[in-house]
Amino acid sequence: VLVLATMVLWLLNSDITLKSRMSLILAIQIVVLVFAVLVVVKRWTAAKNKLPAEDEMSKGILRRGAATSYYVSLYMWLAFMFFEEHIDLERSTLIGAGILGMAIIYALSWAYHNYIRKSHD
């Protein structure tokens, strides 16, 4: 709720000129928000069905998602280092984008292992 409120306040107080950077930032925020909603809904339904919050399978999914996101994040940082001369962002902004990228990669790998690859594990 706090992330959603912050996004709304940010959109209301900023000049809404849809440039490529602003639309990319907005898309990343929406992806993070959707991931948070998925986690809340999953925990809510588990509590409603009187299931434990964490079991062996969900711990395994978290572990596999973390391992996958770690390896993909390493390649993302290598790409940042390789293309650093062509990216016209300040170093602190690039580091912030990398950290946000790591969060998105983790969310996507968790969703992959939780919904797509679940039947094969």
N, C-alpha and C. Protein backbone atom coordinates (compact mmCIF):
# COMPACT_ATOMS: atom_id res chain seq x y z
N VAL A 1 0.84 -1.19 0.00
CA VAL A 1 0.00 0.00 0.00
C VAL A 1 0.88 1.25 0.00
N LEU A 2 1.98 1.18 0.76
CA LEU A 2 2.88 2.33 0.81
C LEU A 2 3.54 2.59 -0.54
N VAL A 3 3.92 1.53 -1.24
CA VAL A 3 4.53 1.69 -2.57
C VAL A 3 3.52 2.28 -3.54
N LEU A 4 2.29 1.81 -3.48
CA LEU A 4 1.25 2.33 -4.36
C LEU A 4 0.96 3.80 -4.06
N ALA A 5 0.89 4.15 -2.78
CA ALA A 5 0.65 5.54 -2.42
C ALA A 5 1.80 6.44 -2.86
N THR A 6 3.03 5.96 -2.72
CA THR A 6 4.19 6.73 -3.16
C THR A 6 4.19 6.92 -4.67
N MET A 7 3.82 5.86 -5.40
CA MET A 7 3.75 5.98 -6.86
C MET A 7 2.71 7.01 -7.28
N VAL A 8 1.54 7.00 -6.63
CA VAL A 8 0.49 7.95 -6.97
C VAL A 8 0.93 9.38 -6.65
N LEU A 9 1.53 9.57 -5.48
CA LEU A 9 2.02 10.91 -5.12
C LEU A 9 3.11 11.39 -6.08
N TRP A 10 3.99 10.49 -6.47
CA TRP A 10 5.05 10.85 -7.40
C TRP A 10 4.47 11.25 -8.76
N LEU A 11 3.48 10.51 -9.23
CA LEU A 11 2.87 10.84 -10.52
C LEU A 11 2.10 12.17 -10.45
N LEU A 12 1.44 12.42 -9.32
CA LEU A 12 0.68 13.66 -9.20
C LEU A 12 1.58 14.88 -9.08
N ASN A 13 2.74 14.74 -8.44
CA ASN A 13 3.62 15.90 -8.21
C ASN A 13 4.65 16.11 -9.31
N SER A 14 4.75 15.21 -10.25
CA SER A 14 5.76 15.36 -11.30
C SER A 14 5.11 15.84 -12.59
N ASP A 15 5.95 16.37 -13.47
CA ASP A 15 5.46 16.74 -14.80
C ASP A 15 5.24 15.45 -15.56
N ILE A 16 4.05 15.23 -15.99
CA ILE A 16 3.77 13.98 -16.69
C ILE A 16 4.09 14.18 -18.17
N THR A 17 5.35 14.03 -18.49
CA THR A 17 5.81 14.00 -19.87
C THR A 17 6.39 12.61 -20.07
N LEU A 18 5.73 11.83 -20.85
CA LEU A 18 6.13 10.44 -21.01
C LEU A 18 7.33 10.32 -21.94
N LYS A 19 8.48 10.36 -21.34
CA LYS A 19 9.71 10.11 -22.07
C LYS A 19 10.04 8.64 -21.88
N SER A 20 11.03 8.17 -22.58
CA SER A 20 11.37 6.75 -22.48
C SER A 20 11.85 6.38 -21.09
N ARG A 21 12.62 7.26 -20.44
CA ARG A 21 13.11 6.94 -19.09
C ARG A 21 11.99 6.90 -18.08
N MET A 22 11.04 7.84 -18.18
CA MET A 22 9.95 7.86 -17.21
C MET A 22 9.03 6.65 -17.40
N SER A 23 8.78 6.28 -18.63
CA SER A 23 7.92 5.11 -18.86
C SER A 23 8.63 3.84 -18.41
N LEU A 24 9.94 3.78 -18.54
CA LEU A 24 10.69 2.62 -18.06
C LEU A 24 10.63 2.54 -16.53
N ILE A 25 10.80 3.68 -15.86
CA ILE A 25 10.72 3.71 -14.40
C ILE A 25 9.33 3.30 -13.94
N LEU A 26 8.31 3.78 -14.60
CA LEU A 26 6.94 3.44 -14.25
C LEU A 26 6.67 1.95 -14.47
N ALA A 27 7.19 1.40 -15.56
CA ALA A 27 7.00 -0.03 -15.84
C ALA A 27 7.69 -0.88 -14.77
N ILE A 28 8.88 -0.49 -14.36
CA ILE A 28 9.60 -1.23 -13.32
C ILE A 28 8.83 -1.18 -12.01
N GLN A 29 8.28 -0.02 -11.67
CA GLN A 29 7.50 0.09 -10.44
C GLN A 29 6.25 -0.77 -10.49
N ILE A 30 5.63 -0.85 -11.63
CA ILE A 30 4.43 -1.67 -11.77
C ILE A 30 4.78 -3.14 -11.63
N VAL A 31 5.91 -3.58 -12.19
CA VAL A 31 6.33 -4.97 -12.05
C VAL A 31 6.59 -5.32 -10.59
N VAL A 32 7.25 -4.43 -9.87
CA VAL A 32 7.51 -4.66 -8.44
C VAL A 32 6.20 -4.71 -7.67
N LEU A 33 5.27 -3.84 -8.01
CA LEU A 33 3.97 -3.82 -7.34
C LEU A 33 3.17 -5.10 -7.62
N VAL A 34 3.19 -5.57 -8.85
CA VAL A 34 2.49 -6.81 -9.20
C VAL A 34 3.08 -7.99 -8.43
N PHE A 35 4.41 -8.03 -8.31
CA PHE A 35 5.05 -9.10 -7.55
C PHE A 35 4.61 -9.05 -6.09
N ALA A 36 4.54 -7.87 -5.51
CA ALA A 36 4.11 -7.74 -4.12
C ALA A 36 2.66 -8.19 -3.96
N VAL A 37 1.81 -7.85 -4.90
CA VAL A 37 0.41 -8.27 -4.84
C VAL A 37 0.31 -9.79 -4.95
N LEU A 38 1.11 -10.41 -5.81
CA LEU A 38 1.11 -11.87 -5.92
C LEU A 38 1.49 -12.53 -4.60
N VAL A 39 2.51 -12.02 -3.94
CA VAL A 39 2.95 -12.59 -2.67
C VAL A 39 1.86 -12.43 -1.61
N VAL A 40 1.23 -11.26 -1.53
CA VAL A 40 0.20 -11.02 -0.53
C VAL A 40 -1.01 -11.92 -0.78
N VAL A 41 -1.43 -12.05 -2.04
CA VAL A 41 -2.59 -12.90 -2.35
C VAL A 41 -2.29 -14.35 -2.03
N LYS A 42 -1.09 -14.80 -2.35
CA LYS A 42 -0.73 -16.19 -2.07
C LYS A 42 -0.73 -16.46 -0.56
N ARG A 43 -0.16 -15.55 0.22
CA ARG A 43 -0.15 -15.74 1.68
C ARG A 43 -1.55 -15.62 2.27
N TRP A 44 -2.37 -14.75 1.71
CA TRP A 44 -3.72 -14.58 2.21
C TRP A 44 -4.53 -15.86 1.99
N THR A 45 -4.43 -16.43 0.79
CA THR A 45 -5.18 -17.66 0.53
C THR A 45 -4.65 -18.81 1.37
N ALA A 46 -3.36 -18.86 1.62
CA ALA A 46 -2.80 -19.90 2.47
C ALA A 46 -3.31 -19.76 3.90
N ALA A 47 -3.39 -18.53 4.41
CA ALA A 47 -3.91 -18.31 5.75
C ALA A 47 -5.40 -18.62 5.82
N LYS A 48 -6.11 -18.31 4.75
CA LYS A 48 -7.54 -18.57 4.70
C LYS A 48 -7.83 -20.07 4.70
N ASN A 49 -6.99 -20.83 4.04
CA ASN A 49 -7.14 -22.29 3.99
C ASN A 49 -6.46 -22.99 5.15
N LYS A 50 -5.96 -22.21 6.11
CA LYS A 50 -5.28 -22.71 7.31
C LYS A 50 -4.08 -23.58 6.97
N LEU A 51 -3.33 -23.14 5.97
CA LEU A 51 -2.09 -23.80 5.59
C LEU A 51 -0.93 -23.04 6.21
N PRO A 52 0.19 -23.71 6.43
CA PRO A 52 1.34 -22.99 6.99
C PRO A 52 1.88 -21.96 5.99
N ALA A 53 2.46 -20.89 6.53
CA ALA A 53 2.98 -19.82 5.66
C ALA A 53 4.14 -20.33 4.82
N GLU A 54 5.00 -21.14 5.40
CA GLU A 54 6.13 -21.70 4.67
C GLU A 54 6.20 -23.20 4.90
N ASP A 55 6.31 -23.94 3.82
CA ASP A 55 6.51 -25.38 3.91
C ASP A 55 7.77 -25.72 3.13
N GLU A 56 8.05 -27.01 3.01
CA GLU A 56 9.29 -27.43 2.33
C GLU A 56 9.30 -27.03 0.86
N MET A 57 8.16 -27.12 0.20
CA MET A 57 8.13 -26.79 -1.23
C MET A 57 8.33 -25.29 -1.44
N SER A 58 7.69 -24.45 -0.63
CA SER A 58 7.87 -23.01 -0.82
C SER A 58 9.29 -22.57 -0.47
N LYS A 59 9.91 -23.22 0.52
CA LYS A 59 11.31 -22.92 0.82
C LYS A 59 12.21 -23.34 -0.34
N GLY A 60 11.91 -24.46 -0.96
CA GLY A 60 12.68 -24.90 -2.12
C GLY A 60 12.53 -23.96 -3.30
N ILE A 61 11.31 -23.48 -3.51
CA ILE A 61 11.07 -22.52 -4.60
C ILE A 61 11.83 -21.24 -4.35
N LEU A 62 11.83 -20.76 -3.11
CA LEU A 62 12.60 -19.55 -2.78
C LEU A 62 14.09 -19.78 -3.01
N ARG A 63 14.58 -20.94 -2.64
CA ARG A 63 16.00 -21.24 -2.80
C ARG A 63 16.38 -21.33 -4.28
N ARG A 64 15.56 -22.01 -5.08
CA ARG A 64 15.85 -22.10 -6.51
C ARG A 64 15.72 -20.76 -7.21
N GLY A 65 14.72 -19.97 -6.80
CA GLY A 65 14.57 -18.62 -7.36
C GLY A 65 15.75 -17.73 -7.03
N ALA A 66 16.25 -17.85 -5.79
CA ALA A 66 17.42 -17.05 -5.39
C ALA A 66 18.66 -17.47 -6.17
N ALA A 67 18.83 -18.77 -6.38
CA ALA A 67 20.00 -19.25 -7.12
C ALA A 67 19.94 -18.78 -8.58
N THR A 68 18.78 -18.90 -9.19
CA THR A 68 18.63 -18.46 -10.58
C THR A 68 18.87 -16.96 -10.71
N SER A 69 18.28 -16.19 -9.81
CA SER A 69 18.43 -14.74 -9.90
C SER A 69 19.87 -14.31 -9.63
N TYR A 70 20.58 -15.05 -8.79
CA TYR A 70 21.99 -14.73 -8.53
C TYR A 70 22.81 -14.85 -9.80
N TYR A 71 22.66 -15.96 -10.52
CA TYR A 71 23.45 -16.15 -11.74
C TYR A 71 23.06 -15.16 -12.83
N VAL A 72 21.78 -14.87 -12.97
CA VAL A 72 21.35 -13.91 -13.99
C VAL A 72 21.82 -12.51 -13.62
N SER A 73 21.79 -12.18 -12.32
CA SER A 73 22.25 -10.86 -11.88
C SER A 73 23.74 -10.67 -12.13
N LEU A 74 24.52 -11.73 -11.98
CA LEU A 74 25.94 -11.63 -12.30
C LEU A 74 26.15 -11.23 -13.76
N TYR A 75 25.39 -11.85 -14.65
CA TYR A 75 25.51 -11.50 -16.07
C TYR A 75 25.00 -10.09 -16.34
N MET A 76 23.97 -9.64 -15.59
CA MET A 76 23.49 -8.28 -15.75
C MET A 76 24.58 -7.28 -15.36
N TRP A 77 25.28 -7.52 -14.24
CA TRP A 77 26.35 -6.62 -13.82
C TRP A 77 27.51 -6.65 -14.80
N LEU A 78 27.80 -7.82 -15.37
CA LEU A 78 28.85 -7.88 -16.40
C LEU A 78 28.46 -7.06 -17.62
N ALA A 79 27.18 -7.11 -18.00
CA ALA A 79 26.71 -6.30 -19.13
C ALA A 79 26.81 -4.82 -18.81
N PHE A 80 26.47 -4.44 -17.57
CA PHE A 80 26.62 -3.04 -17.16
C PHE A 80 28.07 -2.60 -17.28
N MET A 81 28.98 -3.44 -16.82
CA MET A 81 30.40 -3.08 -16.89
C MET A 81 30.88 -2.98 -18.33
N PHE A 82 30.39 -3.88 -19.19
CA PHE A 82 30.82 -3.88 -20.59
C PHE A 82 30.30 -2.66 -21.33
N PHE A 83 29.04 -2.28 -21.08
CA PHE A 83 28.42 -1.17 -21.81
C PHE A 83 28.46 0.14 -21.02
N GLU A 84 29.29 0.23 -19.99
CA GLU A 84 29.33 1.41 -19.14
C GLU A 84 29.69 2.68 -19.91
N GLU A 85 30.55 2.57 -20.88
CA GLU A 85 30.96 3.74 -21.66
C GLU A 85 29.83 4.26 -22.54
N HIS A 86 28.90 3.38 -22.92
CA HIS A 86 27.81 3.78 -23.82
C HIS A 86 26.57 4.23 -23.06
N ILE A 87 26.53 4.01 -21.76
CA ILE A 87 25.38 4.40 -20.94
C ILE A 87 25.69 5.77 -20.34
N ASP A 88 24.84 6.75 -20.64
CA ASP A 88 25.10 8.10 -20.13
C ASP A 88 24.31 8.38 -18.85
N LEU A 89 24.56 7.58 -17.84
CA LEU A 89 23.98 7.77 -16.51
C LEU A 89 25.10 7.98 -15.52
N GLU A 90 24.79 8.67 -14.44
CA GLU A 90 25.78 8.80 -13.39
C GLU A 90 26.00 7.43 -12.74
N ARG A 91 27.15 7.29 -12.13
CA ARG A 91 27.49 6.00 -11.54
C ARG A 91 26.51 5.59 -10.44
N SER A 92 26.09 6.54 -9.62
CA SER A 92 25.14 6.21 -8.54
C SER A 92 23.78 5.81 -9.11
N THR A 93 23.35 6.44 -10.18
CA THR A 93 22.10 6.08 -10.83
C THR A 93 22.21 4.69 -11.46
N LEU A 94 23.34 4.38 -12.03
CA LEU A 94 23.56 3.07 -12.63
C LEU A 94 23.55 1.98 -11.56
N ILE A 95 24.13 2.26 -10.41
CA ILE A 95 24.12 1.28 -9.31
C ILE A 95 22.70 1.09 -8.80
N GLY A 96 21.95 2.17 -8.67
CA GLY A 96 20.55 2.06 -8.26
C GLY A 96 19.73 1.26 -9.26
N ALA A 97 19.97 1.50 -10.54
CA ALA A 97 19.26 0.73 -11.58
C ALA A 97 19.65 -0.74 -11.51
N GLY A 98 20.91 -1.02 -11.20
CA GLY A 98 21.35 -2.41 -11.07
C GLY A 98 20.70 -3.11 -9.90
N ILE A 99 20.57 -2.41 -8.79
CA ILE A 99 19.92 -3.01 -7.62
C ILE A 99 18.44 -3.25 -7.90
N LEU A 100 17.79 -2.29 -8.55
CA LEU A 100 16.39 -2.48 -8.93
C LEU A 100 16.25 -3.62 -9.94
N GLY A 101 17.22 -3.72 -10.85
CA GLY A 101 17.22 -4.82 -11.80
C GLY A 101 17.36 -6.17 -11.11
N MET A 102 18.17 -6.22 -10.07
CA MET A 102 18.32 -7.46 -9.31
C MET A 102 17.00 -7.84 -8.64
N ALA A 103 16.26 -6.86 -8.13
CA ALA A 103 14.97 -7.15 -7.51
C ALA A 103 13.98 -7.68 -8.54
N ILE A 104 14.00 -7.09 -9.73
CA ILE A 104 13.08 -7.55 -10.78
C ILE A 104 13.46 -8.95 -11.26
N ILE A 105 14.76 -9.20 -11.38
CA ILE A 105 15.21 -10.53 -11.80
C ILE A 105 14.79 -11.57 -10.77
N TYR A 106 14.91 -11.23 -9.48
CA TYR A 106 14.48 -12.17 -8.45
C TYR A 106 12.97 -12.42 -8.52
N ALA A 107 12.19 -11.37 -8.73
CA ALA A 107 10.73 -11.54 -8.82
C ALA A 107 10.36 -12.42 -10.00
N LEU A 108 11.02 -12.21 -11.13
CA LEU A 108 10.72 -13.02 -12.31
C LEU A 108 11.17 -14.46 -12.15
N SER A 109 12.33 -14.67 -11.51
CA SER A 109 12.78 -16.06 -11.31
C SER A 109 11.91 -16.77 -10.29
N TRP A 110 11.44 -16.05 -9.26
CA TRP A 110 10.53 -16.65 -8.30
C TRP A 110 9.22 -17.05 -8.99
N ALA A 111 8.68 -16.15 -9.83
CA ALA A 111 7.44 -16.45 -10.55
C ALA A 111 7.64 -17.62 -11.50
N TYR A 112 8.80 -17.69 -12.15
CA TYR A 112 9.09 -18.81 -13.05
C TYR A 112 9.10 -20.13 -12.29
N HIS A 113 9.82 -20.18 -11.18
CA HIS A 113 9.91 -21.43 -10.43
C HIS A 113 8.61 -21.75 -9.70
N ASN A 114 7.81 -20.75 -9.39
CA ASN A 114 6.58 -20.99 -8.66
C ASN A 114 5.43 -21.41 -9.58
N TYR A 115 5.35 -20.86 -10.78
CA TYR A 115 4.21 -21.11 -11.64
C TYR A 115 4.54 -21.96 -12.86
N ILE A 116 5.67 -21.77 -13.49
CA ILE A 116 5.97 -22.47 -14.73
C ILE A 116 6.70 -23.77 -14.48
N ARG A 117 7.77 -23.73 -13.74
CA ARG A 117 8.63 -24.89 -13.56
C ARG A 117 8.19 -25.77 -12.39
N LYS A 118 7.16 -25.41 -11.71
CA LYS A 118 6.72 -26.11 -10.51
C LYS A 118 6.43 -27.58 -10.78
N SER A 119 5.85 -27.89 -11.89
CA SER A 119 5.49 -29.28 -12.18
C SER A 119 6.71 -30.14 -12.51
N HIS A 120 7.82 -29.54 -12.91
CA HIS A 120 9.00 -30.30 -13.29
C HIS A 120 9.96 -30.53 -12.14
N ASP A 121 9.81 -29.80 -11.04
CA ASP A 121 10.76 -29.91 -9.93
C ASP A 121 10.48 -31.09 -9.04
